[in-house]
Amino acid sequence: MPIQRTIMVDDDGTGTTGTILNNAWLQAIYNQIDAADSPAVGPWTPTDQSGAGLALAVVVARFTITGKRVEFTVGVTYPANASGAGAIVSLPAQAAYTSGAYTTVGIARVGSIYAANSALFIYDLNGAAVPNSALAGQTLHMAGFYFIA
């Protein structure tokens, strides 16, 4: 009959197995697994970052952060304005790399997210910055993803 063998780790000098090291180590691993499997999800309040001080009406603003990937959906309605400043909307977290976003409905626009920024820069389909005045009274819906550090 084979002998049953049990590995003993006397990590605290008490002659018992794994009372400190093993439990602490396992808990740290379990916490990391739980954190990776539990994305941060929530709303945020997008704001005008163009410098024009516009009060954007938020239709939708949701994000999910899974690991280093941020997925977002944003919909904002622009107020009547005559601002020639390029349209820029805040994002929920700072980007580590340059990325892009696209309109989901309505207005044909593209968005760029630049490294070390937490803002969405709005462009037309030819790559020209869209002034705030071109979005006056319109609702801009965009979705995309980017990576954080």
N, C-alpha and C. Protein backbone atom coordinates (compact mmCIF):
# COMPACT_ATOMS: atom_id res chain seq x y z
N MET A 1 0.85 -1.16 0.00
CA MET A 1 0.00 0.00 0.00
C MET A 1 0.90 1.23 0.00
N PRO A 2 0.62 2.23 -0.93
CA PRO A 2 1.46 3.42 -0.98
C PRO A 2 1.29 4.30 0.26
N ILE A 3 2.34 4.98 0.60
CA ILE A 3 2.31 5.87 1.77
C ILE A 3 1.75 7.22 1.32
N GLN A 4 0.81 7.74 2.08
CA GLN A 4 0.26 9.07 1.82
C GLN A 4 1.31 10.10 2.23
N ARG A 5 1.63 11.02 1.34
CA ARG A 5 2.63 12.03 1.63
C ARG A 5 1.97 13.42 1.58
N THR A 6 2.29 14.24 2.51
CA THR A 6 1.81 15.61 2.56
C THR A 6 3.00 16.54 2.64
N ILE A 7 3.04 17.50 1.72
CA ILE A 7 4.13 18.47 1.74
C ILE A 7 3.87 19.46 2.86
N MET A 8 4.90 19.70 3.68
CA MET A 8 4.75 20.64 4.79
C MET A 8 5.59 21.87 4.55
N VAL A 9 4.98 23.03 4.67
CA VAL A 9 5.70 24.29 4.59
C VAL A 9 5.58 24.94 5.96
N ASP A 10 6.69 24.92 6.70
CA ASP A 10 6.69 25.51 8.05
C ASP A 10 7.14 26.96 7.91
N ASP A 11 6.21 27.82 7.48
CA ASP A 11 6.57 29.19 7.15
C ASP A 11 6.58 30.12 8.35
N ASP A 12 6.01 29.72 9.45
CA ASP A 12 5.99 30.61 10.61
C ASP A 12 6.66 30.01 11.83
N GLY A 13 7.32 28.83 11.67
CA GLY A 13 8.06 28.21 12.76
C GLY A 13 7.20 27.51 13.79
N THR A 14 5.92 27.32 13.52
CA THR A 14 5.05 26.68 14.50
C THR A 14 4.95 25.18 14.31
N GLY A 15 5.51 24.66 13.24
CA GLY A 15 5.41 23.23 12.99
C GLY A 15 4.11 22.86 12.28
N THR A 16 3.32 23.85 11.92
CA THR A 16 2.08 23.60 11.17
C THR A 16 2.30 23.99 9.72
N THR A 17 1.41 23.58 8.86
CA THR A 17 1.62 23.84 7.43
C THR A 17 0.90 25.10 6.97
N GLY A 18 1.65 25.91 6.27
CA GLY A 18 1.10 27.01 5.50
C GLY A 18 0.17 27.97 6.17
N THR A 19 0.33 28.24 7.43
CA THR A 19 -0.64 29.10 8.11
C THR A 19 -0.56 30.55 7.70
N ILE A 20 0.63 31.03 7.32
CA ILE A 20 0.76 32.43 6.93
C ILE A 20 1.04 32.55 5.44
N LEU A 21 2.13 31.96 4.98
CA LEU A 21 2.58 32.12 3.61
C LEU A 21 1.54 31.63 2.61
N ASN A 22 1.08 30.41 2.75
CA ASN A 22 0.18 29.84 1.76
C ASN A 22 -1.15 30.60 1.71
N ASN A 23 -1.73 30.89 2.86
CA ASN A 23 -3.01 31.58 2.86
C ASN A 23 -2.89 33.00 2.29
N ALA A 24 -1.84 33.71 2.67
CA ALA A 24 -1.65 35.07 2.17
C ALA A 24 -1.39 35.04 0.66
N TRP A 25 -0.57 34.12 0.22
CA TRP A 25 -0.24 34.01 -1.20
C TRP A 25 -1.48 33.66 -2.01
N LEU A 26 -2.25 32.69 -1.54
CA LEU A 26 -3.46 32.31 -2.26
C LEU A 26 -4.46 33.46 -2.31
N GLN A 27 -4.61 34.18 -1.21
CA GLN A 27 -5.56 35.29 -1.19
C GLN A 27 -5.14 36.37 -2.17
N ALA A 28 -3.84 36.65 -2.27
CA ALA A 28 -3.36 37.65 -3.22
C ALA A 28 -3.66 37.22 -4.65
N ILE A 29 -3.47 35.95 -4.96
CA ILE A 29 -3.78 35.43 -6.30
C ILE A 29 -5.28 35.52 -6.56
N TYR A 30 -6.08 35.12 -5.61
CA TYR A 30 -7.54 35.19 -5.78
C TYR A 30 -8.01 36.63 -5.99
N ASN A 31 -7.41 37.56 -5.26
CA ASN A 31 -7.78 38.97 -5.42
C ASN A 31 -7.45 39.47 -6.82
N GLN A 32 -6.30 39.05 -7.37
CA GLN A 32 -5.92 39.45 -8.72
C GLN A 32 -6.88 38.88 -9.76
N ILE A 33 -7.27 37.63 -9.57
CA ILE A 33 -8.22 37.00 -10.49
C ILE A 33 -9.56 37.71 -10.43
N ASP A 34 -10.03 38.00 -9.22
CA ASP A 34 -11.30 38.69 -9.07
C ASP A 34 -11.26 40.07 -9.72
N ALA A 35 -10.14 40.78 -9.55
CA ALA A 35 -10.02 42.13 -10.13
C ALA A 35 -10.03 42.07 -11.66
N ALA A 36 -9.37 41.07 -12.22
CA ALA A 36 -9.33 40.94 -13.69
C ALA A 36 -10.69 40.57 -14.25
N ASP A 37 -11.46 39.80 -13.49
CA ASP A 37 -12.78 39.36 -13.95
C ASP A 37 -13.88 40.36 -13.64
N SER A 38 -13.58 41.40 -12.89
CA SER A 38 -14.60 42.36 -12.48
C SER A 38 -14.30 43.73 -13.09
N PRO A 39 -14.80 43.98 -14.29
CA PRO A 39 -14.51 45.28 -14.91
C PRO A 39 -15.21 46.42 -14.17
N ALA A 40 -14.60 47.59 -14.26
CA ALA A 40 -15.22 48.80 -13.73
C ALA A 40 -16.24 49.28 -14.76
N VAL A 41 -17.45 49.48 -14.33
CA VAL A 41 -18.53 49.89 -15.22
C VAL A 41 -19.23 51.08 -14.60
N GLY A 42 -19.60 52.04 -15.43
CA GLY A 42 -20.34 53.15 -14.86
C GLY A 42 -20.58 54.28 -15.82
N PRO A 43 -21.26 55.28 -15.34
CA PRO A 43 -21.47 56.50 -16.11
C PRO A 43 -20.36 57.50 -15.80
N TRP A 44 -20.26 58.50 -16.61
CA TRP A 44 -19.42 59.66 -16.30
C TRP A 44 -20.14 60.86 -16.89
N THR A 45 -19.70 62.05 -16.57
CA THR A 45 -20.34 63.25 -17.07
C THR A 45 -19.41 63.91 -18.09
N PRO A 46 -19.67 63.71 -19.39
CA PRO A 46 -18.83 64.35 -20.40
C PRO A 46 -18.99 65.86 -20.35
N THR A 47 -17.89 66.54 -20.54
CA THR A 47 -17.91 68.01 -20.54
C THR A 47 -17.21 68.54 -21.77
N ASP A 48 -17.49 69.78 -22.09
CA ASP A 48 -16.83 70.46 -23.21
C ASP A 48 -15.40 70.77 -22.81
N GLN A 49 -14.45 70.33 -23.63
CA GLN A 49 -13.03 70.57 -23.35
C GLN A 49 -12.41 71.52 -24.38
N SER A 50 -13.26 72.17 -25.19
CA SER A 50 -12.77 73.04 -26.27
C SER A 50 -12.31 74.40 -25.76
N GLY A 51 -12.68 74.73 -24.54
CA GLY A 51 -12.36 76.04 -24.00
C GLY A 51 -13.49 77.04 -24.19
N ALA A 52 -14.57 76.62 -24.86
CA ALA A 52 -15.70 77.52 -25.11
C ALA A 52 -16.67 77.56 -23.93
N GLY A 53 -16.52 76.67 -22.97
CA GLY A 53 -17.38 76.66 -21.80
C GLY A 53 -18.82 76.26 -22.09
N LEU A 54 -19.04 75.40 -23.07
CA LEU A 54 -20.40 74.99 -23.43
C LEU A 54 -20.95 73.99 -22.42
N ALA A 55 -22.24 74.12 -22.14
CA ALA A 55 -22.92 73.18 -21.25
C ALA A 55 -23.57 72.11 -22.14
N LEU A 56 -22.92 70.95 -22.22
CA LEU A 56 -23.44 69.86 -23.05
C LEU A 56 -24.54 69.12 -22.29
N ALA A 57 -25.61 68.81 -22.98
CA ALA A 57 -26.69 68.02 -22.39
C ALA A 57 -26.36 66.55 -22.64
N VAL A 58 -26.21 65.80 -21.58
CA VAL A 58 -25.80 64.39 -21.70
C VAL A 58 -27.02 63.52 -22.00
N VAL A 59 -26.93 62.79 -23.10
CA VAL A 59 -27.97 61.83 -23.48
C VAL A 59 -27.59 60.46 -22.93
N VAL A 60 -26.33 60.07 -23.13
CA VAL A 60 -25.80 58.82 -22.60
C VAL A 60 -24.30 58.98 -22.40
N ALA A 61 -23.78 58.36 -21.36
CA ALA A 61 -22.34 58.36 -21.12
C ALA A 61 -22.04 57.14 -20.26
N ARG A 62 -21.63 56.06 -20.89
CA ARG A 62 -21.32 54.81 -20.19
C ARG A 62 -19.93 54.34 -20.58
N PHE A 63 -19.25 53.71 -19.63
CA PHE A 63 -17.93 53.16 -19.92
C PHE A 63 -17.76 51.83 -19.20
N THR A 64 -16.85 51.02 -19.73
CA THR A 64 -16.42 49.78 -19.09
C THR A 64 -14.91 49.71 -19.20
N ILE A 65 -14.25 49.51 -18.06
CA ILE A 65 -12.80 49.34 -18.06
C ILE A 65 -12.52 47.89 -17.67
N THR A 66 -11.94 47.16 -18.61
CA THR A 66 -11.55 45.77 -18.37
C THR A 66 -10.05 45.69 -18.57
N GLY A 67 -9.33 45.46 -17.49
CA GLY A 67 -7.87 45.49 -17.57
C GLY A 67 -7.44 46.89 -17.94
N LYS A 68 -6.79 47.03 -19.11
CA LYS A 68 -6.33 48.34 -19.57
C LYS A 68 -7.16 48.87 -20.73
N ARG A 69 -8.24 48.19 -21.07
CA ARG A 69 -9.09 48.59 -22.19
C ARG A 69 -10.32 49.33 -21.68
N VAL A 70 -10.56 50.51 -22.24
CA VAL A 70 -11.74 51.32 -21.90
C VAL A 70 -12.67 51.33 -23.12
N GLU A 71 -13.88 50.87 -22.93
CA GLU A 71 -14.91 50.95 -23.97
C GLU A 71 -15.89 52.02 -23.52
N PHE A 72 -16.36 52.84 -24.46
CA PHE A 72 -17.26 53.91 -24.07
C PHE A 72 -18.33 54.15 -25.13
N THR A 73 -19.42 54.70 -24.66
CA THR A 73 -20.49 55.21 -25.51
C THR A 73 -20.85 56.57 -24.95
N VAL A 74 -20.92 57.56 -25.82
CA VAL A 74 -21.25 58.90 -25.37
C VAL A 74 -22.23 59.53 -26.35
N GLY A 75 -23.19 60.22 -25.80
CA GLY A 75 -24.14 61.00 -26.59
C GLY A 75 -24.36 62.33 -25.90
N VAL A 76 -24.07 63.43 -26.59
CA VAL A 76 -24.24 64.76 -26.02
C VAL A 76 -24.94 65.67 -27.03
N THR A 77 -25.78 66.53 -26.51
CA THR A 77 -26.44 67.52 -27.36
C THR A 77 -25.77 68.87 -27.13
N TYR A 78 -25.36 69.49 -28.23
CA TYR A 78 -24.68 70.78 -28.16
C TYR A 78 -25.69 71.91 -28.08
N PRO A 79 -25.42 72.92 -27.25
CA PRO A 79 -26.31 74.08 -27.18
C PRO A 79 -26.09 75.00 -28.39
N ALA A 80 -27.02 75.91 -28.59
CA ALA A 80 -26.82 76.94 -29.62
C ALA A 80 -25.55 77.70 -29.27
N ASN A 81 -24.67 77.88 -30.26
CA ASN A 81 -23.41 78.57 -30.00
C ASN A 81 -22.80 79.03 -31.31
N ALA A 82 -21.88 79.96 -31.23
CA ALA A 82 -21.18 80.47 -32.41
C ALA A 82 -19.68 80.25 -32.27
N SER A 83 -19.31 79.29 -31.43
CA SER A 83 -17.89 79.05 -31.15
C SER A 83 -17.19 78.40 -32.33
N GLY A 84 -16.07 78.97 -32.72
CA GLY A 84 -15.27 78.41 -33.79
C GLY A 84 -14.21 77.43 -33.28
N ALA A 85 -14.17 77.23 -31.96
CA ALA A 85 -13.20 76.29 -31.38
C ALA A 85 -13.57 74.86 -31.78
N GLY A 86 -12.56 74.04 -31.99
CA GLY A 86 -12.80 72.64 -32.34
C GLY A 86 -13.53 71.90 -31.23
N ALA A 87 -14.51 71.07 -31.60
CA ALA A 87 -15.29 70.32 -30.63
C ALA A 87 -14.43 69.25 -29.96
N ILE A 88 -14.43 69.27 -28.64
CA ILE A 88 -13.67 68.30 -27.84
C ILE A 88 -14.53 67.92 -26.63
N VAL A 89 -14.69 66.62 -26.41
CA VAL A 89 -15.52 66.12 -25.31
C VAL A 89 -14.64 65.28 -24.38
N SER A 90 -14.83 65.43 -23.07
CA SER A 90 -14.03 64.68 -22.10
C SER A 90 -14.37 63.20 -22.14
N LEU A 91 -13.40 62.38 -21.74
CA LEU A 91 -13.55 60.93 -21.62
C LEU A 91 -13.36 60.51 -20.16
N PRO A 92 -13.74 59.28 -19.80
CA PRO A 92 -13.67 58.88 -18.39
C PRO A 92 -12.27 58.60 -17.84
N ALA A 93 -11.27 58.37 -18.70
CA ALA A 93 -9.93 58.07 -18.22
C ALA A 93 -8.90 58.53 -19.25
N GLN A 94 -7.68 58.74 -18.80
CA GLN A 94 -6.61 59.21 -19.69
C GLN A 94 -6.09 58.07 -20.56
N ALA A 95 -5.95 58.33 -21.84
CA ALA A 95 -5.48 57.34 -22.80
C ALA A 95 -3.96 57.19 -22.73
N ALA A 96 -3.49 55.97 -22.93
CA ALA A 96 -2.05 55.72 -22.99
C ALA A 96 -1.56 55.77 -24.43
N TYR A 97 -2.44 55.49 -25.38
CA TYR A 97 -2.07 55.44 -26.79
C TYR A 97 -3.11 56.17 -27.62
N THR A 98 -2.72 56.59 -28.82
CA THR A 98 -3.66 57.24 -29.73
C THR A 98 -4.62 56.19 -30.28
N SER A 99 -5.90 56.58 -30.38
CA SER A 99 -6.95 55.66 -30.83
C SER A 99 -8.02 56.47 -31.54
N GLY A 100 -9.15 55.84 -31.85
CA GLY A 100 -10.22 56.55 -32.54
C GLY A 100 -11.59 56.12 -32.08
N ALA A 101 -12.59 56.87 -32.49
CA ALA A 101 -13.99 56.56 -32.18
C ALA A 101 -14.82 56.97 -33.38
N TYR A 102 -16.00 56.42 -33.45
CA TYR A 102 -16.84 56.67 -34.62
C TYR A 102 -18.27 56.96 -34.20
N THR A 103 -18.97 57.71 -35.04
CA THR A 103 -20.37 58.01 -34.74
C THR A 103 -21.17 56.73 -34.85
N THR A 104 -22.15 56.60 -33.98
CA THR A 104 -23.00 55.41 -34.01
C THR A 104 -24.30 55.68 -34.74
N VAL A 105 -24.80 56.88 -34.67
CA VAL A 105 -26.01 57.27 -35.39
C VAL A 105 -25.92 58.74 -35.75
N GLY A 106 -26.69 59.15 -36.73
CA GLY A 106 -26.80 60.57 -37.02
C GLY A 106 -25.64 61.17 -37.76
N ILE A 107 -25.03 62.17 -37.17
CA ILE A 107 -24.00 62.99 -37.80
C ILE A 107 -22.77 62.16 -38.16
N ALA A 108 -22.27 62.31 -39.39
CA ALA A 108 -21.08 61.58 -39.83
C ALA A 108 -19.83 62.30 -39.35
N ARG A 109 -19.26 61.83 -38.27
CA ARG A 109 -18.05 62.40 -37.69
C ARG A 109 -17.15 61.27 -37.22
N VAL A 110 -15.90 61.58 -37.02
CA VAL A 110 -14.97 60.64 -36.40
C VAL A 110 -14.34 61.34 -35.21
N GLY A 111 -13.84 60.55 -34.29
CA GLY A 111 -13.19 61.11 -33.12
C GLY A 111 -11.80 60.56 -32.98
N SER A 112 -10.91 61.35 -32.48
CA SER A 112 -9.55 60.90 -32.20
C SER A 112 -9.27 61.08 -30.71
N ILE A 113 -8.60 60.08 -30.18
CA ILE A 113 -8.18 60.10 -28.79
C ILE A 113 -6.65 60.05 -28.83
N TYR A 114 -6.02 61.04 -28.25
CA TYR A 114 -4.57 61.12 -28.31
C TYR A 114 -3.94 60.66 -27.01
N ALA A 115 -2.75 60.06 -27.12
CA ALA A 115 -2.02 59.59 -25.95
C ALA A 115 -1.86 60.72 -24.94
N ALA A 116 -1.97 60.37 -23.66
CA ALA A 116 -1.83 61.29 -22.54
C ALA A 116 -2.94 62.33 -22.49
N ASN A 117 -4.08 62.06 -23.12
CA ASN A 117 -5.26 62.93 -23.07
C ASN A 117 -6.46 62.15 -22.56
N SER A 118 -7.40 62.85 -22.00
CA SER A 118 -8.67 62.21 -21.61
C SER A 118 -9.79 62.97 -22.30
N ALA A 119 -9.63 63.13 -23.62
CA ALA A 119 -10.61 63.88 -24.41
C ALA A 119 -10.77 63.27 -25.79
N LEU A 120 -11.94 63.49 -26.35
CA LEU A 120 -12.30 63.01 -27.67
C LEU A 120 -12.37 64.22 -28.60
N PHE A 121 -11.47 64.28 -29.58
CA PHE A 121 -11.40 65.38 -30.53
C PHE A 121 -12.26 65.01 -31.74
N ILE A 122 -13.19 65.89 -32.12
CA ILE A 122 -14.15 65.59 -33.18
C ILE A 122 -13.69 66.16 -34.52
N TYR A 123 -13.73 65.30 -35.56
CA TYR A 123 -13.31 65.67 -36.91
C TYR A 123 -14.40 65.30 -37.91
N ASP A 124 -14.38 65.98 -39.08
CA ASP A 124 -15.30 65.56 -40.14
C ASP A 124 -14.64 64.41 -40.91
N LEU A 125 -15.33 63.89 -41.91
CA LEU A 125 -14.82 62.73 -42.63
C LEU A 125 -13.59 63.04 -43.48
N ASN A 126 -13.26 64.32 -43.65
CA ASN A 126 -12.06 64.72 -44.38
C ASN A 126 -10.88 64.98 -43.45
N GLY A 127 -11.10 64.84 -42.15
CA GLY A 127 -10.03 65.03 -41.18
C GLY A 127 -9.90 66.43 -40.63
N ALA A 128 -10.84 67.32 -40.98
CA ALA A 128 -10.80 68.70 -40.47
C ALA A 128 -11.53 68.77 -39.12
N ALA A 129 -10.98 69.54 -38.19
CA ALA A 129 -11.62 69.72 -36.89
C ALA A 129 -13.01 70.33 -37.09
N VAL A 130 -13.99 69.80 -36.37
CA VAL A 130 -15.36 70.31 -36.45
C VAL A 130 -15.53 71.39 -35.39
N PRO A 131 -15.92 72.60 -35.79
CA PRO A 131 -16.14 73.65 -34.79
C PRO A 131 -17.41 73.38 -33.98
N ASN A 132 -17.42 73.87 -32.76
CA ASN A 132 -18.60 73.71 -31.91
C ASN A 132 -19.86 74.23 -32.60
N SER A 133 -19.73 75.33 -33.34
CA SER A 133 -20.90 75.94 -33.99
C SER A 133 -21.55 75.00 -35.00
N ALA A 134 -20.78 74.10 -35.62
CA ALA A 134 -21.34 73.15 -36.58
C ALA A 134 -22.19 72.08 -35.91
N LEU A 135 -22.04 71.94 -34.58
CA LEU A 135 -22.81 70.94 -33.83
C LEU A 135 -23.94 71.59 -33.03
N ALA A 136 -24.12 72.91 -33.15
CA ALA A 136 -25.14 73.63 -32.38
C ALA A 136 -26.51 73.00 -32.60
N GLY A 137 -27.15 72.63 -31.50
CA GLY A 137 -28.49 72.06 -31.55
C GLY A 137 -28.54 70.60 -32.00
N GLN A 138 -27.39 69.99 -32.24
CA GLN A 138 -27.35 68.60 -32.69
C GLN A 138 -26.87 67.67 -31.58
N THR A 139 -27.27 66.41 -31.70
CA THR A 139 -26.82 65.40 -30.75
C THR A 139 -25.76 64.54 -31.41
N LEU A 140 -24.62 64.46 -30.79
CA LEU A 140 -23.50 63.68 -31.28
C LEU A 140 -23.42 62.39 -30.47
N HIS A 141 -23.53 61.25 -31.15
CA HIS A 141 -23.38 59.94 -30.51
C HIS A 141 -22.10 59.31 -31.03
N MET A 142 -21.24 58.84 -30.13
CA MET A 142 -20.01 58.17 -30.53
C MET A 142 -19.76 56.98 -29.63
N ALA A 143 -19.03 56.01 -30.17
CA ALA A 143 -18.62 54.84 -29.40
C ALA A 143 -17.21 54.47 -29.83
N GLY A 144 -16.47 53.88 -28.94
CA GLY A 144 -15.12 53.47 -29.28
C GLY A 144 -14.45 52.80 -28.10
N PHE A 145 -13.17 52.55 -28.26
CA PHE A 145 -12.38 52.01 -27.17
C PHE A 145 -10.96 52.53 -27.28
N TYR A 146 -10.27 52.51 -26.16
CA TYR A 146 -8.88 52.92 -26.11
C TYR A 146 -8.22 52.25 -24.91
N PHE A 147 -6.92 52.42 -24.79
CA PHE A 147 -6.18 51.75 -23.73
C PHE A 147 -5.59 52.76 -22.75
N ILE A 148 -5.58 52.40 -21.49
CA ILE A 148 -4.99 53.23 -20.44
C ILE A 148 -3.67 52.62 -20.00
N ALA A 149 -2.88 53.37 -19.28
CA ALA A 149 -1.56 52.88 -18.82
C ALA A 149 -1.71 51.86 -17.72
